[in-house]
Amino acid sequence: MITKYRHWAAGGMALFLSMAHLCGADATAPVRPRILGVAQVAVYVHDIGTARKFYRDFLGFEEALALTNPDGSLRAALLKVADRQTIQLLPEATPATDRLNHFSLETDDAEAMRLYLKSRGIAVPDQVTKGTVTTAFFQVKDPDGHVVEFMQFGPGSWTVKDTGQHLPATRLAARISHVGILVRHLDASLKFYGDILGCTEIWRGSGNGQQLSWVNLKVPDGNDWVEFMLYQNMPTLANLGISHHLCLEVPNVAKAAETLAGRPLPAGAVLADKVTVGVNRRRQLRVLDPDGTRVEVMEAHTVDGQPAPSSTAPPPN
């Protein structure tokens, strides 16, 4: 499913909030199944061949699947970060479009999740799709129009059939810790990801101390999280790829930077020349793929092991 980035008009947001309010808890309503973590991030690329060099050769991930068109050209590629986490590369439908196609959350029961979301007033497909990479999946839209996919893995799921086998030593990281998405309507997003999906807010941050910039919500049954990138005015297309991002967790960012510096940098990709410490007080390194999508490389802990305080700044108007 290919969608372009858009955000809801005020009327759409009001409708979402109204429906979420009306569809409250009910003893007979379906129970939400577990949400275990971030399963996939899918991005548009101008040229899959060039993108493959970045994600496969530069970042070191195994190319688990490559799908071709009848003429032999690539129509998708799947890079395996871990048994239950992948990066999907898709050819852009039109030039100058947002690079985020969708991101996926793992659930232990896709059909139960579909019925649960339907009971909470969320538009869902009539049925789940049976897959080979996963047992079942389906997609919905969040309040800002992002496509959120729910994936269920099982014994027959293609990416986990070989669980326990050695993944390549070349991979820069073994985990996608979070995905970052642009959010205009914070209240509506907190309703969707918090009240409906059951995610828990774990941190708020401000870039200038005057206005809220980030809100992190952890999935209810795992340690991964979704990071809201708040904005007041729609960012430029160039900045969409920097805001929409995936984060690779590493034990030592300096070592990761050294590893990447020793590998050929694909044309168009950008590797920051130094490690920085973010507002969240974690060491991180900025990397951009050849199409400008940000891959954040970050340590799991703060520089001194103490949690970064949450900001009390107000969100954008």
Protein backbone atom coordinates (compact mmCIF):
# COMPACT_ATOMS: atom_id res chain seq x y z
CA MET A 1 0.00 0.00 0.00
CA ILE A 2 1.56 3.28 -1.12
CA THR A 3 0.48 6.52 0.45
CA LYS A 4 1.80 10.05 0.38
CA TYR A 5 2.37 11.99 3.55
CA ARG A 6 -0.49 14.23 4.62
CA HIS A 7 -1.94 15.49 7.86
CA TRP A 8 -5.53 15.66 8.95
CA ALA A 9 -7.57 18.81 8.67
CA ALA A 10 -9.09 20.14 11.87
CA GLY A 11 -12.41 18.44 11.11
CA GLY A 12 -10.72 15.06 10.65
CA MET A 13 -8.90 15.38 13.93
CA ALA A 14 -12.11 16.29 15.74
CA LEU A 15 -13.86 13.25 14.23
CA PHE A 16 -11.02 10.98 15.35
CA LEU A 17 -11.16 12.31 18.91
CA SER A 18 -14.91 12.02 19.01
CA MET A 19 -14.92 8.41 17.82
CA ALA A 20 -12.11 7.47 20.20
CA HIS A 21 -14.11 8.97 23.06
CA LEU A 22 -17.35 7.24 22.14
CA CYS A 23 -15.72 3.84 21.72
CA GLY A 24 -14.59 3.55 25.32
CA ALA A 25 -14.02 0.47 27.42
CA ASP A 26 -16.79 -2.10 27.32
CA ALA A 27 -17.02 -5.50 28.97
CA THR A 28 -18.07 -7.07 25.67
CA ALA A 29 -15.57 -5.21 23.48
CA PRO A 30 -12.59 -7.10 21.99
CA VAL A 31 -9.45 -7.04 24.12
CA ARG A 32 -6.30 -5.55 22.63
CA PRO A 33 -3.72 -8.23 21.83
CA ARG A 34 -0.08 -7.64 22.65
CA ILE A 35 2.10 -5.14 20.77
CA LEU A 36 5.67 -6.36 21.04
CA GLY A 37 7.84 -3.86 19.17
CA VAL A 38 8.83 -2.18 15.92
CA ALA A 39 8.86 -4.82 13.19
CA GLN A 40 9.61 -2.89 10.01
CA VAL A 41 10.33 0.52 8.53
CA ALA A 42 9.56 0.91 4.82
CA VAL A 43 11.04 3.82 2.86
CA TYR A 44 10.88 5.06 -0.71
CA VAL A 45 14.13 5.22 -2.64
CA HIS A 46 14.97 6.75 -6.00
CA ASP A 47 17.17 3.84 -7.02
CA ILE A 48 17.00 0.50 -5.21
CA GLY A 49 20.44 -0.51 -6.46
CA THR A 50 22.05 2.51 -4.84
CA ALA A 51 19.95 2.10 -1.70
CA ARG A 52 21.00 -1.53 -1.43
CA LYS A 53 24.64 -0.47 -1.36
CA PHE A 54 23.83 1.76 1.59
CA TYR A 55 21.74 -0.60 3.71
CA ARG A 56 23.41 -3.87 2.69
CA ASP A 57 27.05 -2.97 2.05
CA PHE A 58 27.52 0.16 4.15
CA LEU A 59 25.32 -0.64 7.18
CA GLY A 60 26.04 -4.33 6.74
CA PHE A 61 22.55 -5.84 6.84
CA GLU A 62 21.63 -9.08 5.13
CA GLU A 63 19.43 -8.69 2.07
CA ALA A 64 16.78 -11.22 2.95
CA LEU A 65 14.52 -10.74 -0.05
CA ALA A 66 14.54 -9.01 -3.44
CA LEU A 67 11.35 -8.84 -5.52
CA THR A 68 11.50 -8.18 -9.26
CA ASN A 69 9.10 -6.89 -11.89
CA PRO A 70 8.38 -8.87 -15.09
CA ASP A 71 11.11 -6.88 -16.87
CA GLY A 72 13.66 -7.91 -14.25
CA SER A 73 13.84 -4.56 -12.47
CA LEU A 74 13.64 -4.50 -8.69
CA ARG A 75 10.32 -3.56 -7.11
CA ALA A 76 11.28 -4.08 -3.46
CA ALA A 77 14.14 -5.23 -1.28
CA LEU A 78 14.05 -6.40 2.33
CA LEU A 79 17.02 -5.98 4.66
CA LYS A 80 17.09 -8.03 7.84
CA VAL A 81 18.21 -6.20 11.00
CA ALA A 82 17.08 -9.01 13.30
CA ASP A 83 14.73 -12.01 13.12
CA ARG A 84 11.71 -9.78 13.70
CA GLN A 85 12.95 -6.44 12.36
CA THR A 86 13.43 -5.45 8.74
CA ILE A 87 13.95 -2.41 6.53
CA GLN A 88 11.97 -2.42 3.30
CA LEU A 89 13.08 -0.44 0.25
CA LEU A 90 10.43 0.59 -2.28
CA PRO A 91 10.86 2.52 -5.55
CA GLU A 92 9.33 5.98 -5.32
CA ALA A 93 5.96 6.33 -7.00
CA THR A 94 6.67 9.95 -7.96
CA PRO A 95 9.73 12.14 -7.48
CA ALA A 96 9.88 14.62 -4.60
CA THR A 97 7.67 12.66 -2.24
CA ASP A 98 7.94 11.91 1.44
CA ARG A 99 10.29 8.96 1.96
CA LEU A 100 8.29 7.17 4.67
CA ASN A 101 5.94 4.56 3.23
CA HIS A 102 4.91 2.86 6.47
CA PHE A 103 6.19 1.39 9.68
CA SER A 104 5.11 -1.86 11.29
CA LEU A 105 4.39 -2.93 14.84
CA GLU A 106 4.52 -6.59 15.83
CA THR A 107 1.42 -8.09 17.42
CA ASP A 108 0.82 -11.65 18.58
CA ASP A 109 -2.61 -11.81 16.89
CA ALA A 110 -3.27 -9.72 13.77
CA GLU A 111 -6.93 -10.70 13.41
CA ALA A 112 -7.65 -9.92 17.07
CA MET A 113 -5.90 -6.57 16.62
CA ARG A 114 -8.01 -5.82 13.55
CA LEU A 115 -11.21 -6.54 15.45
CA TYR A 116 -10.02 -4.56 18.46
CA LEU A 117 -9.19 -1.48 16.41
CA LYS A 118 -12.50 -1.74 14.61
CA SER A 119 -14.27 -1.76 17.98
CA ARG A 120 -12.43 1.46 18.85
CA GLY A 121 -13.68 3.27 15.76
CA ILE A 122 -10.54 2.89 13.63
CA ALA A 123 -11.01 2.18 9.91
CA VAL A 124 -9.59 -1.29 9.22
CA PRO A 125 -9.62 -3.60 6.18
CA ASP A 126 -12.23 -6.33 5.97
CA GLN A 127 -9.65 -9.01 6.65
CA VAL A 128 -5.98 -9.54 7.37
CA THR A 129 -3.59 -10.42 4.56
CA LYS A 130 -1.77 -13.72 4.73
CA GLY A 131 1.91 -13.36 3.95
CA THR A 132 5.13 -15.32 3.58
CA VAL A 133 7.37 -12.89 5.43
CA THR A 134 4.77 -12.77 8.21
CA THR A 135 1.84 -14.98 9.15
CA ALA A 136 -0.63 -12.11 8.76
CA PHE A 137 -0.69 -8.32 8.50
CA PHE A 138 -2.94 -5.33 7.86
CA GLN A 139 -2.61 -1.55 7.72
CA VAL A 140 -4.41 1.45 9.22
CA LYS A 141 -3.77 5.18 9.29
CA ASP A 142 -2.92 7.20 12.37
CA PRO A 143 -4.29 10.73 13.03
CA ASP A 144 -1.55 12.33 10.91
CA GLY A 145 -2.10 10.00 7.97
CA HIS A 146 0.90 7.75 8.58
CA VAL A 147 0.37 4.15 7.53
CA VAL A 148 0.80 1.86 10.55
CA GLU A 149 1.06 -1.83 9.76
CA PHE A 150 0.44 -4.60 12.28
CA MET A 151 2.47 -7.78 11.67
CA GLN A 152 2.04 -11.19 13.22
CA PHE A 153 4.94 -13.64 13.11
CA GLY A 154 4.55 -17.38 13.50
CA PRO A 155 6.52 -20.60 13.04
CA GLY A 156 6.00 -20.37 9.28
CA SER A 157 6.97 -16.71 8.96
CA TRP A 158 9.79 -16.43 6.46
CA THR A 159 12.12 -14.12 8.39
CA VAL A 160 11.96 -16.10 11.63
CA LYS A 161 12.15 -19.64 10.29
CA ASP A 162 15.91 -19.54 10.73
CA THR A 163 15.85 -18.01 14.20
CA GLY A 164 19.09 -18.81 15.98
CA GLN A 165 21.18 -18.91 12.85
CA HIS A 166 24.08 -16.51 12.66
CA LEU A 167 23.28 -13.08 11.25
CA PRO A 168 26.14 -11.37 9.39
CA ALA A 169 28.94 -9.93 11.51
CA THR A 170 28.94 -6.94 9.17
CA ARG A 171 25.63 -5.57 10.51
CA LEU A 172 26.14 -2.30 12.34
CA ALA A 173 23.37 -2.95 14.87
CA ALA A 174 21.14 -5.77 16.04
CA ARG A 175 18.09 -3.70 16.87
CA ILE A 176 15.82 -0.91 15.63
CA SER A 177 14.97 0.79 18.92
CA HIS A 178 12.44 3.27 17.57
CA VAL A 179 10.92 4.96 14.57
CA GLY A 180 10.41 8.73 14.36
CA ILE A 181 7.31 10.22 12.73
CA LEU A 182 6.11 13.79 12.22
CA VAL A 183 3.11 14.67 14.39
CA ARG A 184 1.00 17.79 14.08
CA HIS A 185 -1.92 16.84 16.33
CA LEU A 186 -0.39 15.71 19.62
CA ASP A 187 -3.67 15.14 21.48
CA ALA A 188 -5.05 12.94 18.70
CA SER A 189 -1.80 10.98 18.46
CA LEU A 190 -1.74 10.43 22.22
CA LYS A 191 -5.30 9.09 21.95
CA PHE A 192 -4.35 6.68 19.16
CA TYR A 193 -0.97 5.45 20.35
CA GLY A 194 -1.64 5.83 24.07
CA ASP A 195 -5.30 5.26 24.84
CA ILE A 196 -6.06 2.86 22.00
CA LEU A 197 -2.77 1.04 21.33
CA GLY A 198 -1.72 1.12 24.98
CA CYS A 199 1.68 2.73 24.49
CA THR A 200 3.21 4.46 27.52
CA GLU A 201 4.81 7.90 27.40
CA ILE A 202 8.42 7.65 28.57
CA TRP A 203 10.00 11.02 27.72
CA ARG A 204 9.41 14.52 26.40
CA GLY A 205 12.11 16.75 24.99
CA SER A 206 12.52 20.31 23.79
CA GLY A 207 15.11 21.58 21.34
CA ASN A 208 15.02 25.16 22.62
CA GLY A 209 13.46 24.91 26.08
CA GLN A 210 10.49 27.00 24.97
CA GLN A 211 8.47 24.58 22.87
CA LEU A 212 8.02 20.82 22.98
CA SER A 213 9.85 18.99 20.19
CA TRP A 214 9.65 15.26 20.92
CA VAL A 215 7.38 12.82 22.74
CA ASN A 216 8.37 9.16 23.07
CA LEU A 217 5.79 6.39 23.59
CA LYS A 218 6.94 2.83 24.37
CA VAL A 219 4.96 -0.12 23.05
CA PRO A 220 2.95 -1.85 25.80
CA ASP A 221 4.62 -5.27 25.62
CA GLY A 222 8.19 -4.52 24.61
CA ASN A 223 11.00 -1.95 24.81
CA ASP A 224 10.77 -0.29 21.39
CA TRP A 225 9.11 3.08 21.03
CA VAL A 226 7.58 5.56 18.59
CA GLU A 227 9.02 9.06 18.64
CA PHE A 228 6.70 11.95 17.80
CA MET A 229 8.54 14.72 15.94
CA LEU A 230 6.29 17.70 16.68
CA TYR A 231 5.93 20.60 14.27
CA GLN A 232 3.85 23.70 13.76
CA ASN A 233 4.49 24.41 10.09
CA MET A 234 4.84 21.62 7.55
CA PRO A 235 8.56 20.88 7.01
CA THR A 236 10.05 21.02 3.54
CA LEU A 237 10.36 17.79 1.58
CA ALA A 238 14.09 17.73 2.27
CA ASN A 239 13.43 17.89 6.01
CA LEU A 240 10.74 15.20 5.92
CA GLY A 241 13.41 12.56 5.43
CA ILE A 242 15.42 13.92 8.34
CA SER A 243 12.40 14.00 10.65
CA HIS A 244 11.03 10.62 9.62
CA HIS A 245 13.76 8.25 10.72
CA LEU A 246 14.69 4.89 12.15
CA CYS A 247 17.11 4.43 15.01
CA LEU A 248 19.75 1.70 15.20
CA GLU A 249 20.81 0.92 18.74
CA VAL A 250 24.51 0.19 19.30
CA PRO A 251 26.55 -0.36 22.48
CA ASN A 252 29.23 2.16 21.45
CA VAL A 253 28.55 4.94 18.95
CA ALA A 254 32.21 5.92 18.64
CA LYS A 255 33.09 2.39 17.60
CA ALA A 256 30.16 2.33 15.17
CA ALA A 257 31.38 5.61 13.65
CA GLU A 258 34.85 4.14 13.25
CA THR A 259 33.40 1.06 11.54
CA LEU A 260 31.40 3.15 9.08
CA ALA A 261 34.35 5.44 8.36
CA GLY A 262 36.24 2.37 7.19
CA ARG A 263 33.59 1.40 4.64
CA PRO A 264 32.98 2.96 1.20
CA LEU A 265 30.26 5.60 1.48
CA PRO A 266 27.66 5.14 -1.30
CA ALA A 267 27.08 8.07 -3.63
CA GLY A 268 24.65 10.59 -2.15
CA ALA A 269 24.82 9.20 1.39
CA VAL A 270 26.04 11.38 4.26
CA LEU A 271 28.00 10.32 7.32
CA ALA A 272 28.34 12.91 10.10
CA ASP A 273 31.95 13.74 10.92
CA LYS A 274 31.46 13.55 14.68
CA VAL A 275 29.46 11.91 17.43
CA THR A 276 27.09 14.23 19.30
CA VAL A 277 25.08 14.05 22.51
CA GLY A 278 21.37 14.67 22.02
CA VAL A 279 18.89 16.45 24.25
CA ASN A 280 18.09 12.97 25.57
CA ARG A 281 21.74 12.83 26.73
CA ARG A 282 22.58 9.82 24.60
CA ARG A 283 25.53 9.68 22.23
CA GLN A 284 24.41 9.50 18.64
CA LEU A 285 25.59 9.70 15.06
CA ARG A 286 23.61 11.05 12.13
CA VAL A 287 23.67 9.11 8.86
CA LEU A 288 21.58 9.90 5.77
CA ASP A 289 20.87 7.35 3.07
CA PRO A 290 21.27 8.38 -0.61
CA ASP A 291 17.68 9.73 -0.62
CA GLY A 292 18.03 11.77 2.57
CA THR A 293 16.27 9.40 4.99
CA ARG A 294 17.91 9.64 8.40
CA VAL A 295 19.31 6.57 10.07
CA GLU A 296 20.06 7.54 13.65
CA VAL A 297 22.76 5.50 15.36
CA MET A 298 22.40 5.81 19.12
CA GLU A 299 23.50 4.21 22.37
CA ALA A 300 20.97 2.59 24.68
CA HIS A 301 21.95 4.59 27.77
CA THR A 302 22.63 8.20 28.66
CA VAL A 303 26.20 9.43 28.98
CA ASP A 304 26.21 8.99 32.78
CA GLY A 305 23.50 6.36 33.20
CA GLN A 306 21.06 8.86 34.68
CA PRO A 307 17.73 9.41 32.89
CA ALA A 308 17.29 12.60 30.92
CA PRO A 309 14.59 14.78 32.55
CA SER A 310 11.38 15.29 30.61
CA SER A 311 10.57 18.74 29.28
CA THR A 312 7.59 20.66 30.59
CA ALA A 313 7.53 23.01 27.57
CA PRO A 314 4.17 23.37 25.82
CA PRO A 315 3.59 21.70 22.43
CA PRO A 316 3.43 23.78 19.24
CA ASN A 317 0.20 25.71 18.82
